[in-house]
Amino acid sequence: MNASSEQVVPEAATANEIRAVIGPFEDDVVMKIMRIKPTVDDVGRAYSWLRSDEYLQRHLIHNLPARAANVFDILVAEYPELGDPVL
């Protein structure tokens, strides 16, 4: 296999990278997120959906990729007030 056909696998996000996206969450929440080995993009997608108008105002169901969906589930379970509808 030559170098041009090798796939680059994105690295799992570090605790600092996760906090850069979601803010100063508690260590146990960050560790739960790190256990699923999401990329920075996965964390960003999950947090963006959690804060989106579609979720906040209408609680529409996401179609996030698996790891991003797992991050989303952790954030909702740990901090349900983040997803409270805007009335």
PDB file of N, CA and C in Angstrom:
ATOM      1  N   MET A   1       0.853  -1.176   0.000  1.00  0.00           N
ATOM      2  CA  MET A   1       0.000   0.000   0.000  1.00  0.00           C
ATOM      3  C   MET A   1       0.897   1.237   0.000  1.00  0.00           C
ATOM      4  N   ASN A   2       0.628   2.156  -0.879  1.00  0.00           N
ATOM      5  CA  ASN A   2       1.468   3.347  -0.921  1.00  0.00           C
ATOM      6  C   ASN A   2       0.900   4.443  -0.032  1.00  0.00           C
ATOM      7  N   ALA A   3       1.684   5.462   0.220  1.00  0.00           N
ATOM      8  CA  ALA A   3       1.313   6.526   1.157  1.00  0.00           C
ATOM      9  C   ALA A   3       0.077   7.294   0.714  1.00  0.00           C
ATOM     10  N   SER A   4      -0.154   7.403  -0.571  1.00  0.00           N
ATOM     11  CA  SER A   4      -1.298   8.180  -1.043  1.00  0.00           C
ATOM     12  C   SER A   4      -2.632   7.479  -0.818  1.00  0.00           C
ATOM     13  N   SER A   5      -2.617   6.160  -0.598  1.00  0.00           N
ATOM     14  CA  SER A   5      -3.869   5.442  -0.401  1.00  0.00           C
ATOM     15  C   SER A   5      -4.179   5.169   1.075  1.00  0.00           C
ATOM     16  N   GLU A   6      -3.279   5.565   1.981  1.00  0.00           N
ATOM     17  CA  GLU A   6      -3.513   5.354   3.400  1.00  0.00           C
ATOM     18  C   GLU A   6      -4.514   6.375   3.921  1.00  0.00           C
ATOM     19  N   GLN A   7      -5.395   5.896   4.801  1.00  0.00           N
ATOM     20  CA  GLN A   7      -6.370   6.795   5.393  1.00  0.00           C
ATOM     21  C   GLN A   7      -5.810   7.373   6.685  1.00  0.00           C
ATOM     22  N   VAL A   8      -6.088   8.635   6.915  1.00  0.00           N
ATOM     23  CA  VAL A   8      -5.676   9.282   8.147  1.00  0.00           C
ATOM     24  C   VAL A   8      -6.858   9.191   9.107  1.00  0.00           C
ATOM     25  N   VAL A   9      -6.634   8.574  10.250  1.00  0.00           N
ATOM     26  CA  VAL A   9      -7.680   8.436  11.251  1.00  0.00           C
ATOM     27  C   VAL A   9      -7.567   9.618  12.204  1.00  0.00           C
ATOM     28  N   PRO A  10      -8.650  10.408  12.341  1.00  0.00           N
ATOM     29  CA  PRO A  10      -8.592  11.548  13.240  1.00  0.00           C
ATOM     30  C   PRO A  10      -8.361  11.092  14.679  1.00  0.00           C
ATOM     31  N   GLU A  11      -7.595  11.875  15.408  1.00  0.00           N
ATOM     32  CA  GLU A  11      -7.289  11.536  16.791  1.00  0.00           C
ATOM     33  C   GLU A  11      -8.438  11.905  17.713  1.00  0.00           C
ATOM     34  N   ALA A  12      -8.529  11.164  18.807  1.00  0.00           N
ATOM     35  CA  ALA A  12      -9.532  11.466  19.825  1.00  0.00           C
ATOM     36  C   ALA A  12      -9.195  12.808  20.471  1.00  0.00           C
ATOM     37  N   ALA A  13     -10.227  13.537  20.822  1.00  0.00           N
ATOM     38  CA  ALA A  13     -10.056  14.848  21.443  1.00  0.00           C
ATOM     39  C   ALA A  13      -9.461  14.715  22.839  1.00  0.00           C
ATOM     40  N   THR A  14      -8.618  15.663  23.195  1.00  0.00           N
ATOM     41  CA  THR A  14      -8.055  15.714  24.540  1.00  0.00           C
ATOM     42  C   THR A  14      -9.028  16.441  25.464  1.00  0.00           C
ATOM     43  N   ALA A  15      -8.778  16.361  26.757  1.00  0.00           N
ATOM     44  CA  ALA A  15      -9.624  17.058  27.734  1.00  0.00           C
ATOM     45  C   ALA A  15      -9.629  18.560  27.450  1.00  0.00           C
ATOM     46  N   ASN A  16      -8.473  19.118  27.139  1.00  0.00           N
ATOM     47  CA  ASN A  16      -8.403  20.553  26.847  1.00  0.00           C
ATOM     48  C   ASN A  16      -9.182  20.913  25.589  1.00  0.00           C
ATOM     49  N   GLU A  17      -9.115  20.064  24.575  1.00  0.00           N
ATOM     50  CA  GLU A  17      -9.862  20.323  23.347  1.00  0.00           C
ATOM     51  C   GLU A  17     -11.368  20.227  23.592  1.00  0.00           C
ATOM     52  N   ILE A  18     -11.769  19.245  24.396  1.00  0.00           N
ATOM     53  CA  ILE A  18     -13.195  19.108  24.724  1.00  0.00           C
ATOM     54  C   ILE A  18     -13.679  20.344  25.459  1.00  0.00           C
ATOM     55  N   ARG A  19     -12.925  20.786  26.454  1.00  0.00           N
ATOM     56  CA  ARG A  19     -13.314  21.987  27.212  1.00  0.00           C
ATOM     57  C   ARG A  19     -13.311  23.239  26.328  1.00  0.00           C
ATOM     58  N   ALA A  20     -12.444  23.289  25.349  1.00  0.00           N
ATOM     59  CA  ALA A  20     -12.426  24.429  24.437  1.00  0.00           C
ATOM     60  C   ALA A  20     -13.729  24.516  23.650  1.00  0.00           C
ATOM     61  N   VAL A  21     -14.366  23.374  23.415  1.00  0.00           N
ATOM     62  CA  VAL A  21     -15.623  23.341  22.667  1.00  0.00           C
ATOM     63  C   VAL A  21     -16.827  23.539  23.583  1.00  0.00           C
ATOM     64  N   ILE A  22     -16.880  22.792  24.689  1.00  0.00           N
ATOM     65  CA  ILE A  22     -18.086  22.785  25.514  1.00  0.00           C
ATOM     66  C   ILE A  22     -18.016  23.696  26.731  1.00  0.00           C
ATOM     67  N   GLY A  23     -16.838  24.214  27.034  1.00  0.00           N
ATOM     68  CA  GLY A  23     -16.705  25.082  28.195  1.00  0.00           C
ATOM     69  C   GLY A  23     -16.187  24.334  29.410  1.00  0.00           C
ATOM     70  N   PRO A  24     -16.222  24.993  30.558  1.00  0.00           N
ATOM     71  CA  PRO A  24     -15.611  24.434  31.770  1.00  0.00           C
ATOM     72  C   PRO A  24     -16.485  23.410  32.491  1.00  0.00           C
ATOM     73  N   PHE A  25     -16.748  22.298  31.840  1.00  0.00           N
ATOM     74  CA  PHE A  25     -17.523  21.234  32.462  1.00  0.00           C
ATOM     75  C   PHE A  25     -16.679  20.526  33.513  1.00  0.00           C
ATOM     76  N   GLU A  26     -17.336  19.819  34.408  1.00  0.00           N
ATOM     77  CA  GLU A  26     -16.660  19.078  35.467  1.00  0.00           C
ATOM     78  C   GLU A  26     -15.816  17.949  34.882  1.00  0.00           C
ATOM     79  N   ASP A  27     -14.775  17.581  35.636  1.00  0.00           N
ATOM     80  CA  ASP A  27     -13.852  16.539  35.181  1.00  0.00           C
ATOM     81  C   ASP A  27     -14.552  15.228  34.849  1.00  0.00           C
ATOM     82  N   ASP A  28     -15.533  14.818  35.671  1.00  0.00           N
ATOM     83  CA  ASP A  28     -16.183  13.532  35.420  1.00  0.00           C
ATOM     84  C   ASP A  28     -16.948  13.524  34.107  1.00  0.00           C
ATOM     85  N   VAL A  29     -17.511  14.655  33.723  1.00  0.00           N
ATOM     86  CA  VAL A  29     -18.223  14.748  32.443  1.00  0.00           C
ATOM     87  C   VAL A  29     -17.223  14.642  31.292  1.00  0.00           C
ATOM     88  N   VAL A  30     -16.119  15.350  31.407  1.00  0.00           N
ATOM     89  CA  VAL A  30     -15.089  15.307  30.365  1.00  0.00           C
ATOM     90  C   VAL A  30     -14.535  13.884  30.240  1.00  0.00           C
ATOM     91  N   MET A  31     -14.336  13.206  31.359  1.00  0.00           N
ATOM     92  CA  MET A  31     -13.829  11.827  31.319  1.00  0.00           C
ATOM     93  C   MET A  31     -14.833  10.885  30.647  1.00  0.00           C
ATOM     94  N   LYS A  32     -16.123  11.065  30.914  1.00  0.00           N
ATOM     95  CA  LYS A  32     -17.140  10.245  30.247  1.00  0.00           C
ATOM     96  C   LYS A  32     -17.071  10.444  28.741  1.00  0.00           C
ATOM     97  N   ILE A  33     -16.907  11.683  28.332  1.00  0.00           N
ATOM     98  CA  ILE A  33     -16.811  11.987  26.903  1.00  0.00           C
ATOM     99  C   ILE A  33     -15.550  11.357  26.317  1.00  0.00           C
ATOM    100  N   MET A  34     -14.436  11.478  27.030  1.00  0.00           N
ATOM    101  CA  MET A  34     -13.168  10.938  26.530  1.00  0.00           C
ATOM    102  C   MET A  34     -13.212   9.422  26.367  1.00  0.00           C
ATOM    103  N   ARG A  35     -13.997   8.722  27.179  1.00  0.00           N
ATOM    104  CA  ARG A  35     -14.072   7.249  27.096  1.00  0.00           C
ATOM    105  C   ARG A  35     -14.597   6.765  25.750  1.00  0.00           C
ATOM    106  N   ILE A  36     -15.405   7.581  25.083  1.00  0.00           N
ATOM    107  CA  ILE A  36     -15.935   7.148  23.781  1.00  0.00           C
ATOM    108  C   ILE A  36     -15.027   7.550  22.625  1.00  0.00           C
ATOM    109  N   LYS A  37     -13.922   8.254  22.965  1.00  0.00           N
ATOM    110  CA  LYS A  37     -12.889   8.640  21.993  1.00  0.00           C
ATOM    111  C   LYS A  37     -13.426   9.457  20.812  1.00  0.00           C
ATOM    112  N   PRO A  38     -14.180  10.518  21.103  1.00  0.00           N
ATOM    113  CA  PRO A  38     -14.675  11.344  19.999  1.00  0.00           C
ATOM    114  C   PRO A  38     -13.572  12.262  19.478  1.00  0.00           C
ATOM    115  N   THR A  39     -13.723  12.676  18.253  1.00  0.00           N
ATOM    116  CA  THR A  39     -12.828  13.693  17.712  1.00  0.00           C
ATOM    117  C   THR A  39     -13.335  15.068  18.160  1.00  0.00           C
ATOM    118  N   VAL A  40     -12.535  16.082  17.919  1.00  0.00           N
ATOM    119  CA  VAL A  40     -12.971  17.449  18.215  1.00  0.00           C
ATOM    120  C   VAL A  40     -14.229  17.764  17.404  1.00  0.00           C
ATOM    121  N   ASP A  41     -14.279  17.282  16.176  1.00  0.00           N
ATOM    122  CA  ASP A  41     -15.450  17.497  15.324  1.00  0.00           C
ATOM    123  C   ASP A  41     -16.700  16.838  15.922  1.00  0.00           C
ATOM    124  N   ASP A  42     -16.559  15.628  16.462  1.00  0.00           N
ATOM    125  CA  ASP A  42     -17.693  14.948  17.099  1.00  0.00           C
ATOM    126  C   ASP A  42     -18.228  15.778  18.264  1.00  0.00           C
ATOM    127  N   VAL A  43     -17.325  16.278  19.092  1.00  0.00           N
ATOM    128  CA  VAL A  43     -17.721  17.083  20.249  1.00  0.00           C
ATOM    129  C   VAL A  43     -18.396  18.370  19.778  1.00  0.00           C
ATOM    130  N   GLY A  44     -17.818  19.001  18.775  1.00  0.00           N
ATOM    131  CA  GLY A  44     -18.400  20.234  18.244  1.00  0.00           C
ATOM    132  C   GLY A  44     -19.787  20.023  17.669  1.00  0.00           C
ATOM    133  N   ARG A  45     -19.969  18.947  16.937  1.00  0.00           N
ATOM    134  CA  ARG A  45     -21.295  18.648  16.365  1.00  0.00           C
ATOM    135  C   ARG A  45     -22.330  18.424  17.467  1.00  0.00           C
ATOM    136  N   ALA A  46     -21.955  17.653  18.487  1.00  0.00           N
ATOM    137  CA  ALA A  46     -22.879  17.360  19.581  1.00  0.00           C
ATOM    138  C   ALA A  46     -23.261  18.636  20.323  1.00  0.00           C
ATOM    139  N   TYR A  47     -22.278  19.447  20.645  1.00  0.00           N
ATOM    140  CA  TYR A  47     -22.550  20.677  21.389  1.00  0.00           C
ATOM    141  C   TYR A  47     -23.342  21.668  20.540  1.00  0.00           C
ATOM    142  N   SER A  48     -23.025  21.740  19.274  1.00  0.00           N
ATOM    143  CA  SER A  48     -23.778  22.632  18.378  1.00  0.00           C
ATOM    144  C   SER A  48     -25.240  22.213  18.299  1.00  0.00           C
ATOM    145  N   TRP A  49     -25.496  20.903  18.219  1.00  0.00           N
ATOM    146  CA  TRP A  49     -26.875  20.442  18.164  1.00  0.00           C
ATOM    147  C   TRP A  49     -27.601  20.736  19.477  1.00  0.00           C
ATOM    148  N   LEU A  50     -26.913  20.522  20.586  1.00  0.00           N
ATOM    149  CA  LEU A  50     -27.509  20.794  21.892  1.00  0.00           C
ATOM    150  C   LEU A  50     -27.934  22.254  22.015  1.00  0.00           C
ATOM    151  N   ARG A  51     -27.174  23.144  21.422  1.00  0.00           N
ATOM    152  CA  ARG A  51     -27.448  24.578  21.507  1.00  0.00           C
ATOM    153  C   ARG A  51     -28.256  25.110  20.320  1.00  0.00           C
ATOM    154  N   SER A  52     -28.617  24.246  19.381  1.00  0.00           N
ATOM    155  CA  SER A  52     -29.302  24.688  18.160  1.00  0.00           C
ATOM    156  C   SER A  52     -30.762  25.051  18.412  1.00  0.00           C
ATOM    157  N   ASP A  53     -31.285  25.916  17.579  1.00  0.00           N
ATOM    158  CA  ASP A  53     -32.698  26.292  17.660  1.00  0.00           C
ATOM    159  C   ASP A  53     -33.603  25.090  17.436  1.00  0.00           C
ATOM    160  N   GLU A  54     -33.200  24.196  16.535  1.00  0.00           N
ATOM    161  CA  GLU A  54     -34.023  23.030  16.237  1.00  0.00           C
ATOM    162  C   GLU A  54     -34.225  22.181  17.484  1.00  0.00           C
ATOM    163  N   TYR A  55     -33.174  22.019  18.264  1.00  0.00           N
ATOM    164  CA  TYR A  55     -33.296  21.229  19.481  1.00  0.00           C
ATOM    165  C   TYR A  55     -33.925  22.050  20.610  1.00  0.00           C
ATOM    166  N   LEU A  56     -33.437  23.256  20.821  1.00  0.00           N
ATOM    167  CA  LEU A  56     -33.905  24.063  21.944  1.00  0.00           C
ATOM    168  C   LEU A  56     -35.381  24.431  21.836  1.00  0.00           C
ATOM    169  N   GLN A  57     -35.827  24.776  20.654  1.00  0.00           N
ATOM    170  CA  GLN A  57     -37.198  25.258  20.515  1.00  0.00           C
ATOM    171  C   GLN A  57     -38.192  24.149  20.180  1.00  0.00           C
ATOM    172  N   ARG A  58     -37.737  23.151  19.442  1.00  0.00           N
ATOM    173  CA  ARG A  58     -38.690  22.130  18.991  1.00  0.00           C
ATOM    174  C   ARG A  58     -38.341  20.724  19.417  1.00  0.00           C
ATOM    175  N   HIS A  59     -37.179  20.551  20.041  1.00  0.00           N
ATOM    176  CA  HIS A  59     -36.703  19.232  20.459  1.00  0.00           C
ATOM    177  C   HIS A  59     -36.737  18.216  19.327  1.00  0.00           C
ATOM    178  N   LEU A  60     -36.328  18.670  18.140  1.00  0.00           N
ATOM    179  CA  LEU A  60     -36.230  17.747  17.014  1.00  0.00           C
ATOM    180  C   LEU A  60     -35.134  16.720  17.284  1.00  0.00           C
ATOM    181  N   ILE A  61     -35.287  15.557  16.730  1.00  0.00           N
ATOM    182  CA  ILE A  61     -34.316  14.487  16.912  1.00  0.00           C
ATOM    183  C   ILE A  61     -33.127  14.730  15.983  1.00  0.00           C
ATOM    184  N   HIS A  62     -31.946  14.490  16.502  1.00  0.00           N
ATOM    185  CA  HIS A  62     -30.723  14.690  15.712  1.00  0.00           C
ATOM    186  C   HIS A  62     -30.466  13.495  14.805  1.00  0.00           C
ATOM    187  N   ASN A  63     -29.586  13.703  13.838  1.00  0.00           N
ATOM    188  CA  ASN A  63     -29.084  12.583  13.043  1.00  0.00           C
ATOM    189  C   ASN A  63     -27.557  12.641  13.055  1.00  0.00           C
ATOM    190  N   LEU A  64     -27.019  12.773  14.255  1.00  0.00           N
ATOM    191  CA  LEU A  64     -25.582  12.871  14.447  1.00  0.00           C
ATOM    192  C   LEU A  64     -24.919  11.510  14.227  1.00  0.00           C
ATOM    193  N   PRO A  65     -23.666  11.528  13.776  1.00  0.00           N
ATOM    194  CA  PRO A  65     -22.909  10.275  13.696  1.00  0.00           C
ATOM    195  C   PRO A  65     -22.780   9.662  15.099  1.00  0.00           C
ATOM    196  N   ALA A  66     -22.460   8.391  15.185  1.00  0.00           N
ATOM    197  CA  ALA A  66     -22.499   7.633  16.441  1.00  0.00           C
ATOM    198  C   ALA A  66     -21.750   8.290  17.603  1.00  0.00           C
ATOM    199  N   ARG A  67     -20.491   8.623  17.423  1.00  0.00           N
ATOM    200  CA  ARG A  67     -19.735   9.194  18.548  1.00  0.00           C
ATOM    201  C   ARG A  67     -20.268  10.566  18.934  1.00  0.00           C
ATOM    202  N   ALA A  68     -20.649  11.375  17.968  1.00  0.00           N
ATOM    203  CA  ALA A  68     -21.229  12.687  18.280  1.00  0.00           C
ATOM    204  C   ALA A  68     -22.554  12.507  19.020  1.00  0.00           C
ATOM    205  N   ALA A  69     -23.339  11.512  18.618  1.00  0.00           N
ATOM    206  CA  ALA A  69     -24.605  11.231  19.307  1.00  0.00           C
ATOM    207  C   ALA A  69     -24.347  10.798  20.743  1.00  0.00           C
ATOM    208  N   ASN A  70     -23.299  10.016  20.966  1.00  0.00           N
ATOM    209  CA  ASN A  70     -22.952   9.604  22.323  1.00  0.00           C
ATOM    210  C   ASN A  70     -22.530  10.797  23.178  1.00  0.00           C
ATOM    211  N   VAL A  71     -21.769  11.715  22.606  1.00  0.00           N
ATOM    212  CA  VAL A  71     -21.383  12.935  23.327  1.00  0.00           C
ATOM    213  C   VAL A  71     -22.638  13.743  23.662  1.00  0.00           C
ATOM    214  N   PHE A  72     -23.515  13.890  22.704  1.00  0.00           N
ATOM    215  CA  PHE A  72     -24.776  14.607  22.914  1.00  0.00           C
ATOM    216  C   PHE A  72     -25.558  13.987  24.075  1.00  0.00           C
ATOM    217  N   ASP A  73     -25.671  12.671  24.085  1.00  0.00           N
ATOM    218  CA  ASP A  73     -26.406  11.976  25.147  1.00  0.00           C
ATOM    219  C   ASP A  73     -25.786  12.232  26.521  1.00  0.00           C
ATOM    220  N   ILE A  74     -24.466  12.242  26.590  1.00  0.00           N
ATOM    221  CA  ILE A  74     -23.781  12.530  27.855  1.00  0.00           C
ATOM    222  C   ILE A  74     -24.095  13.948  28.314  1.00  0.00           C
ATOM    223  N   LEU A  75     -23.999  14.905  27.405  1.00  0.00           N
ATOM    224  CA  LEU A  75     -24.252  16.303  27.772  1.00  0.00           C
ATOM    225  C   LEU A  75     -25.687  16.516  28.228  1.00  0.00           C
ATOM    226  N   VAL A  76     -26.637  15.909  27.544  1.00  0.00           N
ATOM    227  CA  VAL A  76     -28.050  16.049  27.917  1.00  0.00           C
ATOM    228  C   VAL A  76     -28.305  15.399  29.283  1.00  0.00           C
ATOM    229  N   ALA A  77     -27.721  14.228  29.498  1.00  0.00           N
ATOM    230  CA  ALA A  77     -27.933  13.520  30.767  1.00  0.00           C
ATOM    231  C   ALA A  77     -27.312  14.264  31.945  1.00  0.00           C
ATOM    232  N   GLU A  78     -26.152  14.837  31.731  1.00  0.00           N
ATOM    233  CA  GLU A  78     -25.445  15.525  32.810  1.00  0.00           C
ATOM    234  C   GLU A  78     -25.998  16.917  33.086  1.00  0.00           C
ATOM    235  N   TYR A  79     -26.419  17.591  32.053  1.00  0.00           N
ATOM    236  CA  TYR A  79     -26.873  18.971  32.180  1.00  0.00           C
ATOM    237  C   TYR A  79     -28.146  19.191  31.368  1.00  0.00           C
ATOM    238  N   PRO A  80     -29.256  18.637  31.821  1.00  0.00           N
ATOM    239  CA  PRO A  80     -30.498  18.765  31.041  1.00  0.00           C
ATOM    240  C   PRO A  80     -30.944  20.212  30.842  1.00  0.00           C
ATOM    241  N   GLU A  81     -30.552  21.104  31.731  1.00  0.00           N
ATOM    242  CA  GLU A  81     -30.948  22.509  31.576  1.00  0.00           C
ATOM    243  C   GLU A  81     -30.311  23.157  30.357  1.00  0.00           C
ATOM    244  N   LEU A  82     -29.243  22.595  29.824  1.00  0.00           N
ATOM    245  CA  LEU A  82     -28.647  23.128  28.596  1.00  0.00           C
ATOM    246  C   LEU A  82     -29.599  22.987  27.417  1.00  0.00           C
ATOM    247  N   GLY A  83     -30.456  21.997  27.479  1.00  0.00           N
ATOM    248  CA  GLY A  83     -31.372  21.754  26.390  1.00  0.00           C
ATOM    249  C   GLY A  83     -32.784  22.228  26.663  1.00  0.00           C
ATOM    250  N   ASP A  84     -32.973  23.005  27.742  1.00  0.00           N
ATOM    251  CA  ASP A  84     -34.314  23.506  28.020  1.00  0.00           C
ATOM    252  C   ASP A  84     -34.804  24.364  26.875  1.00  0.00           C
ATOM    253  N   PRO A  85     -36.043  24.174  26.469  1.00  0.00           N
ATOM    254  CA  PRO A  85     -36.576  24.967  25.350  1.00  0.00           C
ATOM    255  C   PRO A  85     -36.606  26.455  25.670  1.00  0.00           C
ATOM    256  N   VAL A  86     -36.368  27.237  24.656  1.00  0.00           N
ATOM    257  CA  VAL A  86     -36.468  28.687  24.766  1.00  0.00           C
ATOM    258  C   VAL A  86     -37.917  29.048  24.476  1.00  0.00           C
ATOM    259  N   LEU A  87     -38.596  29.635  25.438  1.00  0.00           N
ATOM    260  CA  LEU A  87     -39.999  29.962  25.255  1.00  0.00           C
ATOM    261  C   LEU A  87     -40.194  31.447  25.104  1.00  0.00           C
TER     262      LEU A  87
END
